[in-house]
Amino acid sequence: MRKKIKEYVDACEVCQQNKYQTVVVN
């Protein structure tokens, strides 16, 4: 269960970074 949560958190962090980078670029 913990591994799934960690994977979910890591995925969210990546998504947030990608969104942030997209906003900065545009």
C-alpha atoms as a PDB file:
ATOM      1  CA  MET A   1       0.000   0.000   0.000  1.00  0.00           C
ATOM      2  CA  ARG A   2       2.762   2.469   0.910  1.00  0.00           C
ATOM      3  CA  LYS A   3       4.509   1.877  -2.419  1.00  0.00           C
ATOM      4  CA  LYS A   4       1.321   2.784  -4.276  1.00  0.00           C
ATOM      5  CA  ILE A   5       0.970   5.972  -2.256  1.00  0.00           C
ATOM      6  CA  LYS A   6       4.597   6.901  -2.932  1.00  0.00           C
ATOM      7  CA  GLU A   7       4.133   6.267  -6.654  1.00  0.00           C
ATOM      8  CA  TYR A   8       0.975   8.415  -6.596  1.00  0.00           C
ATOM      9  CA  VAL A   9       2.748  11.243  -4.790  1.00  0.00           C
ATOM     10  CA  ASP A  10       5.727  11.060  -7.162  1.00  0.00           C
ATOM     11  CA  ALA A  11       3.378  11.139 -10.156  1.00  0.00           C
ATOM     12  CA  CYS A  12       1.557  14.164  -8.752  1.00  0.00           C
ATOM     13  CA  GLU A  13       4.836  15.996  -8.184  1.00  0.00           C
ATOM     14  CA  VAL A  14       5.858  15.318 -11.770  1.00  0.00           C
ATOM     15  CA  CYS A  15       2.474  16.512 -13.047  1.00  0.00           C
ATOM     16  CA  GLN A  16       2.702  19.681 -10.986  1.00  0.00           C
ATOM     17  CA  GLN A  17       6.214  20.392 -12.248  1.00  0.00           C
ATOM     18  CA  ASN A  18       5.114  19.843 -15.841  1.00  0.00           C
ATOM     19  CA  LYS A  19       2.116  22.156 -15.384  1.00  0.00           C
ATOM     20  CA  TYR A  20       4.322  24.786 -13.748  1.00  0.00           C
ATOM     21  CA  GLN A  21       6.885  24.577 -16.551  1.00  0.00           C
ATOM     22  CA  THR A  22       4.119  24.811 -19.152  1.00  0.00           C
ATOM     23  CA  VAL A  23       2.708  27.945 -17.513  1.00  0.00           C
ATOM     24  CA  VAL A  24       6.159  29.541 -17.294  1.00  0.00           C
ATOM     25  CA  VAL A  25       6.960  28.764 -20.934  1.00  0.00           C
ATOM     26  CA  ASN A  26       3.619  30.105 -22.166  1.00  0.00           C
END
